[in-house]
C-alpha atoms as a PDB file:
ATOM      1  CA  MET A   1      78.615 152.577  37.596  1.00  0.00           C
ATOM      2  CA  SER A   2      79.061 150.083  34.750  1.00  0.00           C
ATOM      3  CA  PRO A   3      81.792 147.536  35.407  1.00  0.00           C
ATOM      4  CA  PHE A   4      83.535 147.482  32.049  1.00  0.00           C
ATOM      5  CA  ILE A   5      85.106 149.937  29.640  1.00  0.00           C
ATOM      6  CA  ILE A   6      83.361 149.683  26.214  1.00  0.00           C
ATOM      7  CA  SER A   7      84.409 150.950  22.748  1.00  0.00           C
ATOM      8  CA  ILE A   8      82.201 151.659  19.835  1.00  0.00           C
ATOM      9  CA  ARG A   9      82.935 151.647  16.166  1.00  0.00           C
ATOM     10  CA  PRO A  10      81.011 151.933  12.836  1.00  0.00           C
ATOM     11  CA  PHE A  11      79.601 148.716  11.524  1.00  0.00           C
ATOM     12  CA  GLY A  12      78.477 150.032   8.069  1.00  0.00           C
ATOM     13  CA  ASP A  13      76.087 152.902   7.471  1.00  0.00           C
ATOM     14  CA  PHE A  14      73.158 151.399   9.478  1.00  0.00           C
ATOM     15  CA  ALA A  15      75.014 149.970  12.520  1.00  0.00           C
ATOM     16  CA  VAL A  16      77.569 150.254  15.256  1.00  0.00           C
ATOM     17  CA  LEU A  17      79.392 147.540  17.040  1.00  0.00           C
ATOM     18  CA  VAL A  18      79.763 147.890  20.930  1.00  0.00           C
ATOM     19  CA  GLU A  19      82.756 146.037  22.257  1.00  0.00           C
ATOM     20  CA  TRP A  20      83.625 144.825  25.795  1.00  0.00           C
ATOM     21  CA  PRO A  21      87.078 143.559  26.817  1.00  0.00           C
ATOM     22  CA  ASN A  22      88.146 140.822  24.500  1.00  0.00           C
ATOM     23  CA  ILE A  23      87.629 138.011  26.976  1.00  0.00           C
ATOM     24  CA  VAL A  24      85.185 135.166  26.795  1.00  0.00           C
ATOM     25  CA  GLU A  25      83.353 135.022  30.158  1.00  0.00           C
ATOM     26  CA  GLU A  26      79.808 134.951  31.417  1.00  0.00           C
ATOM     27  CA  GLN A  27      80.203 138.220  33.538  1.00  0.00           C
ATOM     28  CA  ILE A  28      80.749 140.160  30.228  1.00  0.00           C
ATOM     29  CA  LEU A  29      77.908 138.268  28.482  1.00  0.00           C
ATOM     30  CA  ASN A  30      75.520 139.105  31.327  1.00  0.00           C
ATOM     31  CA  ASP A  31      76.530 142.751  31.240  1.00  0.00           C
ATOM     32  CA  ILE A  32      75.846 142.704  27.404  1.00  0.00           C
ATOM     33  CA  LEU A  33      72.355 141.140  28.062  1.00  0.00           C
ATOM     34  CA  SER A  34      71.726 143.692  30.979  1.00  0.00           C
ATOM     35  CA  PHE A  35      72.494 146.503  28.586  1.00  0.00           C
ATOM     36  CA  ILE A  36      70.081 145.235  25.946  1.00  0.00           C
ATOM     37  CA  HIS A  37      67.343 145.304  28.463  1.00  0.00           C
ATOM     38  CA  HIS A  38      68.254 148.753  29.380  1.00  0.00           C
ATOM     39  CA  LEU A  39      68.292 149.922  25.822  1.00  0.00           C
ATOM     40  CA  LYS A  40      64.888 148.228  25.001  1.00  0.00           C
ATOM     41  CA  THR A  41      63.309 149.639  28.149  1.00  0.00           C
ATOM     42  CA  ASN A  42      64.516 153.211  28.019  1.00  0.00           C
ATOM     43  CA  HIS A  43      66.097 154.225  24.739  1.00  0.00           C
ATOM     44  CA  LEU A  44      65.696 152.110  21.475  1.00  0.00           C
ATOM     45  CA  ASN A  45      62.384 150.902  20.024  1.00  0.00           C
ATOM     46  CA  GLU A  46      62.591 147.249  19.012  1.00  0.00           C
ATOM     47  CA  LYS A  47      60.576 147.780  15.902  1.00  0.00           C
ATOM     48  CA  GLU A  48      63.351 150.226  14.669  1.00  0.00           C
ATOM     49  CA  TRP A  49      66.474 148.524  16.106  1.00  0.00           C
ATOM     50  CA  GLU A  50      67.885 145.042  15.977  1.00  0.00           C
ATOM     51  CA  MET A  51      70.315 144.113  18.744  1.00  0.00           C
ATOM     52  CA  VAL A  52      72.649 141.179  18.241  1.00  0.00           C
ATOM     53  CA  PRO A  53      74.832 140.000  21.255  1.00  0.00           C
ATOM     54  CA  ALA A  54      77.697 137.711  20.735  1.00  0.00           C
ATOM     55  CA  TYR A  55      80.591 136.816  23.085  1.00  0.00           C
ATOM     56  CA  ASN A  56      82.004 140.210  23.980  1.00  0.00           C
ATOM     57  CA  SER A  57      80.083 142.477  21.502  1.00  0.00           C
ATOM     58  CA  LEU A  58      76.737 144.085  20.709  1.00  0.00           C
ATOM     59  CA  ALA A  59      75.758 144.951  17.136  1.00  0.00           C
ATOM     60  CA  LEU A  60      73.064 147.714  17.082  1.00  0.00           C
ATOM     61  CA  ILE A  61      71.400 147.848  13.770  1.00  0.00           C
ATOM     62  CA  HIS A  62      69.023 150.551  12.608  1.00  0.00           C
ATOM     63  CA  ARG A  63      66.383 148.947  10.454  1.00  0.00           C
ATOM     64  CA  THR A  64      65.110 152.112   8.663  1.00  0.00           C
ATOM     65  CA  GLY A  65      67.965 154.638   8.237  1.00  0.00           C
ATOM     66  CA  LYS A  66      71.669 155.645   8.406  1.00  0.00           C
ATOM     67  CA  ILE A  67      73.183 156.352  11.802  1.00  0.00           C
ATOM     68  CA  GLU A  68      75.010 159.632  12.604  1.00  0.00           C
ATOM     69  CA  TYR A  69      77.872 157.835  14.091  1.00  0.00           C
ATOM     70  CA  LYS A  70      79.470 160.598  16.214  1.00  0.00           C
ATOM     71  CA  ILE A  71      76.216 161.530  17.942  1.00  0.00           C
ATOM     72  CA  PHE A  72      74.893 158.077  18.288  1.00  0.00           C
ATOM     73  CA  SER A  73      78.084 156.594  19.758  1.00  0.00           C
ATOM     74  CA  LYS A  74      78.317 159.360  22.413  1.00  0.00           C
ATOM     75  CA  GLU A  75      74.660 158.621  23.282  1.00  0.00           C
ATOM     76  CA  VAL A  76      75.420 154.809  23.635  1.00  0.00           C
ATOM     77  CA  LYS A  77      78.278 155.443  25.991  1.00  0.00           C
ATOM     78  CA  GLU A  78      76.099 157.632  28.118  1.00  0.00           C
ATOM     79  CA  TRP A  79      73.335 155.108  28.172  1.00  0.00           C
ATOM     80  CA  TYR A  80      75.707 152.405  29.227  1.00  0.00           C
ATOM     81  CA  SER A  81      76.942 154.574  32.127  1.00  0.00           C
ATOM     82  CA  GLN A  82      73.387 154.916  33.320  1.00  0.00           C
ATOM     83  CA  LYS A  83      72.624 151.222  33.234  1.00  0.00           C
ATOM     84  CA  SER A  84      71.544 149.607  36.520  1.00  0.00           C
ATOM     85  CA  GLY A  85      72.914 146.379  37.554  1.00  0.00           C
ATOM     86  CA  ASP A  86      69.772 145.278  39.285  1.00  0.00           C
ATOM     87  CA  TYR A  87      68.160 143.485  36.158  1.00  0.00           C
ATOM     88  CA  VAL A  88      67.971 139.736  36.680  1.00  0.00           C
ATOM     89  CA  ILE A  89      68.420 137.912  33.432  1.00  0.00           C
ATOM     90  CA  GLU A  90      65.986 135.008  32.843  1.00  0.00           C
ATOM     91  CA  LYS A  91      67.918 131.910  31.606  1.00  0.00           C
ATOM     92  CA  TYR A  92      67.003 128.259  30.931  1.00  0.00           C
ATOM     93  CA  LEU A  93      69.055 125.001  30.827  1.00  0.00           C
ATOM     94  CA  TRP A  94      67.908 123.117  27.637  1.00  0.00           C
ATOM     95  CA  GLU A  95      68.612 119.291  27.667  1.00  0.00           C
ATOM     96  CA  LEU A  96      69.165 118.102  24.061  1.00  0.00           C
ATOM     97  CA  PRO A  97      69.496 114.586  22.860  1.00  0.00           C
ATOM     98  CA  VAL A  98      72.352 113.596  20.670  1.00  0.00           C
ATOM     99  CA  CYS A  99      72.904 110.323  18.820  1.00  0.00           C
ATOM    100  CA  TYR A 100      76.717 109.596  18.620  1.00  0.00           C
ATOM    101  CA  GLU A 101      76.307 106.470  16.474  1.00  0.00           C
ATOM    102  CA  GLY A 102      77.272 105.370  12.965  1.00  0.00           C
ATOM    103  CA  ASP A 103      76.874 107.843  10.119  1.00  0.00           C
ATOM    104  CA  PHE A 104      75.692 110.563  12.607  1.00  0.00           C
ATOM    105  CA  ALA A 105      79.290 110.646  13.996  1.00  0.00           C
ATOM    106  CA  VAL A 106      81.402 110.737  10.883  1.00  0.00           C
ATOM    107  CA  ASP A 107      84.344 112.330  12.505  1.00  0.00           C
ATOM    108  CA  LEU A 108      84.140 110.741  15.922  1.00  0.00           C
ATOM    109  CA  MET A 109      86.845 108.153  15.426  1.00  0.00           C
ATOM    110  CA  GLU A 110      89.227 110.718  13.861  1.00  0.00           C
ATOM    111  CA  VAL A 111      88.545 113.226  16.772  1.00  0.00           C
ATOM    112  CA  SER A 112      89.239 110.371  19.246  1.00  0.00           C
ATOM    113  CA  GLU A 113      92.519 109.490  17.620  1.00  0.00           C
ATOM    114  CA  LYS A 114      93.641 113.171  17.500  1.00  0.00           C
ATOM    115  CA  LEU A 115      92.677 113.768  21.132  1.00  0.00           C
ATOM    116  CA  GLY A 116      94.226 110.560  22.436  1.00  0.00           C
ATOM    117  CA  MET A 117      91.036 109.053  23.847  1.00  0.00           C
ATOM    118  CA  SER A 118      88.404 106.527  23.106  1.00  0.00           C
ATOM    119  CA  PRO A 119      85.016 107.476  21.381  1.00  0.00           C
ATOM    120  CA  LYS A 120      83.244 106.600  24.643  1.00  0.00           C
ATOM    121  CA  GLU A 121      85.469 109.012  26.464  1.00  0.00           C
ATOM    122  CA  VAL A 122      84.694 111.765  23.940  1.00  0.00           C
ATOM    123  CA  ILE A 123      80.964 111.160  24.231  1.00  0.00           C
ATOM    124  CA  SER A 124      81.210 111.121  28.119  1.00  0.00           C
ATOM    125  CA  LEU A 125      83.109 114.410  28.275  1.00  0.00           C
ATOM    126  CA  HIS A 126      80.743 116.065  25.733  1.00  0.00           C
ATOM    127  CA  THR A 127      77.684 115.110  27.670  1.00  0.00           C
ATOM    128  CA  LYS A 128      79.091 115.768  30.979  1.00  0.00           C
ATOM    129  CA  HIS A 129      79.608 119.487  30.673  1.00  0.00           C
ATOM    130  CA  VAL A 130      77.117 122.376  30.599  1.00  0.00           C
ATOM    131  CA  TYR A 131      77.577 124.938  27.741  1.00  0.00           C
ATOM    132  CA  THR A 132      76.677 128.546  27.566  1.00  0.00           C
ATOM    133  CA  VAL A 133      75.043 130.084  24.471  1.00  0.00           C
ATOM    134  CA  TYR A 134      77.451 132.873  23.552  1.00  0.00           C
ATOM    135  CA  GLY A 135      75.934 133.802  20.242  1.00  0.00           C
ATOM    136  CA  ILE A 136      73.402 132.658  17.529  1.00  0.00           C
ATOM    137  CA  GLY A 137      74.277 133.169  13.966  1.00  0.00           C
ATOM    138  CA  PHE A 138      76.103 131.939  10.885  1.00  0.00           C
ATOM    139  CA  LEU A 139      72.927 130.058  10.080  1.00  0.00           C
ATOM    140  CA  PRO A 140      69.559 130.866  11.674  1.00  0.00           C
ATOM    141  CA  GLY A 141      69.446 129.124  15.022  1.00  0.00           C
ATOM    142  CA  PHE A 142      73.121 128.136  14.973  1.00  0.00           C
ATOM    143  CA  MET A 143      74.220 128.305  18.531  1.00  0.00           C
ATOM    144  CA  TYR A 144      77.835 128.997  19.408  1.00  0.00           C
ATOM    145  CA  LEU A 145      78.440 127.101  22.678  1.00  0.00           C
ATOM    146  CA  GLY A 146      81.261 127.947  25.021  1.00  0.00           C
ATOM    147  CA  GLY A 147      82.409 125.977  28.059  1.00  0.00           C
ATOM    148  CA  LEU A 148      83.977 122.965  26.068  1.00  0.00           C
ATOM    149  CA  PRO A 149      86.449 121.292  28.243  1.00  0.00           C
ATOM    150  CA  GLN A 150      89.994 121.846  27.230  1.00  0.00           C
ATOM    151  CA  SER A 151      90.504 118.150  26.495  1.00  0.00           C
ATOM    152  CA  LEU A 152      87.968 118.337  23.665  1.00  0.00           C
ATOM    153  CA  GLU A 153      89.420 121.239  21.941  1.00  0.00           C
ATOM    154  CA  ILE A 154      90.247 120.501  18.343  1.00  0.00           C
ATOM    155  CA  VAL A 155      90.928 122.583  15.252  1.00  0.00           C
ATOM    156  CA  ARG A 156      88.430 122.760  12.407  1.00  0.00           C
ATOM    157  CA  ARG A 157      88.723 120.303   9.449  1.00  0.00           C
ATOM    158  CA  GLU A 158      91.310 121.229   6.860  1.00  0.00           C
ATOM    159  CA  THR A 159      88.731 120.882   4.110  1.00  0.00           C
ATOM    160  CA  PRO A 160      85.154 121.857   4.858  1.00  0.00           C
ATOM    161  CA  ARG A 161      82.363 119.645   3.685  1.00  0.00           C
ATOM    162  CA  LEU A 162      79.953 120.957   1.096  1.00  0.00           C
ATOM    163  CA  LYS A 163      77.080 119.277   2.870  1.00  0.00           C
ATOM    164  CA  VAL A 164      76.692 118.845   6.577  1.00  0.00           C
ATOM    165  CA  GLU A 165      73.405 117.196   7.635  1.00  0.00           C
ATOM    166  CA  GLN A 166      70.743 119.171   9.663  1.00  0.00           C
ATOM    167  CA  GLY A 167      71.249 118.484  13.250  1.00  0.00           C
ATOM    168  CA  SER A 168      74.883 117.729  13.085  1.00  0.00           C
ATOM    169  CA  VAL A 169      76.754 118.295  16.350  1.00  0.00           C
ATOM    170  CA  GLY A 170      80.287 119.521  15.971  1.00  0.00           C
ATOM    171  CA  LEU A 171      83.549 120.519  17.588  1.00  0.00           C
ATOM    172  CA  ALA A 172      85.673 123.467  16.508  1.00  0.00           C
ATOM    173  CA  GLY A 173      88.245 125.054  18.507  1.00  0.00           C
ATOM    174  CA  LYS A 174      86.967 125.982  21.904  1.00  0.00           C
ATOM    175  CA  GLN A 175      83.327 125.590  20.844  1.00  0.00           C
ATOM    176  CA  THR A 176      80.682 122.970  20.256  1.00  0.00           C
ATOM    177  CA  GLY A 177      77.414 123.624  18.253  1.00  0.00           C
ATOM    178  CA  ILE A 178      74.585 122.113  16.221  1.00  0.00           C
ATOM    179  CA  TYR A 179      73.814 122.764  12.531  1.00  0.00           C
ATOM    180  CA  PRO A 180      70.136 123.877  12.533  1.00  0.00           C
ATOM    181  CA  GLN A 181      69.921 123.072   8.790  1.00  0.00           C
ATOM    182  CA  GLU A 182      71.776 121.325   6.013  1.00  0.00           C
ATOM    183  CA  SER A 183      74.715 123.512   4.961  1.00  0.00           C
ATOM    184  CA  PRO A 184      78.415 123.439   4.097  1.00  0.00           C
ATOM    185  CA  GLY A 185      80.710 123.460   7.182  1.00  0.00           C
ATOM    186  CA  GLY A 186      84.057 122.655   8.524  1.00  0.00           C
ATOM    187  CA  TRP A 187      83.392 121.464  12.111  1.00  0.00           C
ATOM    188  CA  ASN A 188      84.332 117.933  13.233  1.00  0.00           C
ATOM    189  CA  ILE A 189      81.018 116.000  13.373  1.00  0.00           C
ATOM    190  CA  ILE A 190      80.622 113.727  16.353  1.00  0.00           C
ATOM    191  CA  GLY A 191      76.826 113.251  16.602  1.00  0.00           C
ATOM    192  CA  ASN A 192      73.354 114.345  15.606  1.00  0.00           C
ATOM    193  CA  CYS A 193      70.497 115.993  17.368  1.00  0.00           C
ATOM    194  CA  PRO A 194      67.048 115.179  16.207  1.00  0.00           C
ATOM    195  CA  VAL A 195      65.262 118.214  17.734  1.00  0.00           C
ATOM    196  CA  PRO A 196      64.495 121.041  15.332  1.00  0.00           C
ATOM    197  CA  LEU A 197      66.349 124.152  16.525  1.00  0.00           C
ATOM    198  CA  PHE A 198      64.739 126.803  14.121  1.00  0.00           C
ATOM    199  CA  ASN A 199      61.243 127.176  12.708  1.00  0.00           C
ATOM    200  CA  LYS A 200      60.656 130.399  10.792  1.00  0.00           C
ATOM    201  CA  ASP A 201      56.898 129.906  11.050  1.00  0.00           C
ATOM    202  CA  ASN A 202      56.946 130.110  15.075  1.00  0.00           C
ATOM    203  CA  GLU A 203      56.573 133.424  16.750  1.00  0.00           C
ATOM    204  CA  ASN A 204      59.966 132.796  18.383  1.00  0.00           C
ATOM    205  CA  PRO A 205      61.769 130.927  15.569  1.00  0.00           C
ATOM    206  CA  CYS A 206      64.705 129.811  17.780  1.00  0.00           C
ATOM    207  CA  PHE A 207      63.619 128.716  21.194  1.00  0.00           C
ATOM    208  CA  VAL A 208      67.077 129.271  22.716  1.00  0.00           C
ATOM    209  CA  ASN A 209      68.331 132.691  23.752  1.00  0.00           C
ATOM    210  CA  VAL A 210      71.933 133.982  24.125  1.00  0.00           C
ATOM    211  CA  GLY A 211      72.887 133.426  27.770  1.00  0.00           C
ATOM    212  CA  ASP A 212      70.985 130.236  28.033  1.00  0.00           C
ATOM    213  CA  LYS A 213      72.585 126.853  28.932  1.00  0.00           C
ATOM    214  CA  ILE A 214      72.769 123.607  26.969  1.00  0.00           C
ATOM    215  CA  LYS A 215      73.383 120.014  28.148  1.00  0.00           C
ATOM    216  CA  PHE A 216      73.593 117.057  25.819  1.00  0.00           C
ATOM    217  CA  TYR A 217      72.454 113.582  26.672  1.00  0.00           C
ATOM    218  CA  SER A 218      73.229 110.463  24.659  1.00  0.00           C
ATOM    219  CA  ILE A 219      70.470 108.476  22.751  1.00  0.00           C
ATOM    220  CA  THR A 220      70.317 105.434  20.599  1.00  0.00           C
ATOM    221  CA  LYS A 221      69.726 105.468  16.697  1.00  0.00           C
ATOM    222  CA  GLY A 222      66.195 104.140  17.427  1.00  0.00           C
ATOM    223  CA  GLU A 223      65.512 106.933  19.952  1.00  0.00           C
ATOM    224  CA  HIS A 224      66.840 109.407  17.360  1.00  0.00           C
ATOM    225  CA  ASP A 225      64.465 108.322  14.764  1.00  0.00           C
ATOM    226  CA  LEU A 226      61.532 108.462  17.191  1.00  0.00           C
ATOM    227  CA  LEU A 227      62.375 111.986  18.561  1.00  0.00           C
ATOM    228  CA  LYS A 228      62.984 113.299  15.033  1.00  0.00           C
ATOM    229  CA  LEU A 229      59.481 112.052  14.098  1.00  0.00           C
ATOM    230  CA  GLN A 230      57.988 113.713  17.144  1.00  0.00           C
ATOM    231  CA  GLY A 231      59.854 116.876  16.298  1.00  0.00           C
ATOM    232  CA  GLU A 232      58.516 116.923  12.708  1.00  0.00           C
ATOM    233  CA  VAL A 233      54.944 116.623  13.776  1.00  0.00           C
ATOM    234  CA  GLY A 234      55.373 119.093  16.736  1.00  0.00           C
ATOM    235  CA  ILE A 235      54.762 116.833  19.711  1.00  0.00           C
ATOM    236  CA  TYR A 236      58.336 116.614  21.012  1.00  0.00           C
ATOM    237  CA  LYS A 237      58.497 118.127  24.491  1.00  0.00           C
ATOM    238  CA  LEU A 238      61.737 120.028  25.151  1.00  0.00           C
ATOM    239  CA  LYS A 239      63.505 119.534  28.486  1.00  0.00           C
ATOM    240  CA  LYS A 240      64.135 122.875  30.128  1.00  0.00           C
ATOM    241  CA  THR A 241      64.869 124.155  33.629  1.00  0.00           C
ATOM    242  CA  LYS A 242      64.996 127.709  34.822  1.00  0.00           C
ATOM    243  CA  VAL A 243      68.497 128.645  35.802  1.00  0.00           C
ATOM    244  CA  ASP A 244      69.046 130.803  38.929  1.00  0.00           C
ATOM    245  CA  ALA A 245      70.963 134.087  37.966  1.00  0.00           C
END
């Protein structure tokens, strides 16, 4: 028997949105990932269906045609009730370097003042915690990371920037994240990660999956420049460890 009550609603003509209880917790995220595995294994062809998990929801998108909502939503609920809880989700902890110096950390001083701590304390807290990837979106490869300590929670900037540099590491609300490419954005920028997070030419363009873990570690400006160069030529070795389920 599945542990949660789900609801389903139309998400345009080609998709439905399956929703779990509106709570951010890993038990719900794991249940969503387990359901995806069940769907891929038993019911939905990956060539015809895109499945997008995020926090407490799962978008099921039909690539080739419209969905008969009443029929399909009934099927999805039936499939969910049949799901086994035996599937072990493979997860990895990725250690990513961040430079918190100079122009890479344009909002660090302001963030420190608003939170009532020194920049060193902000950096220490940000690198101390392990974050969960609850969603990937907004930009290709943009990871929404939950697990930010309450003491680092801060509202988005009142005025978004028109240009946020690729690799910028930001804080917004209860989340932290990395901009995988240059774009507008309103998060508070406290550092920069030199590791390329998205490459459309790779078989798997984004190496991180929803459910994985992220831990940051602090590097100097010189180390940042070296690692960025290594990333650009494809010789940077990502630090990852398999996480026990």
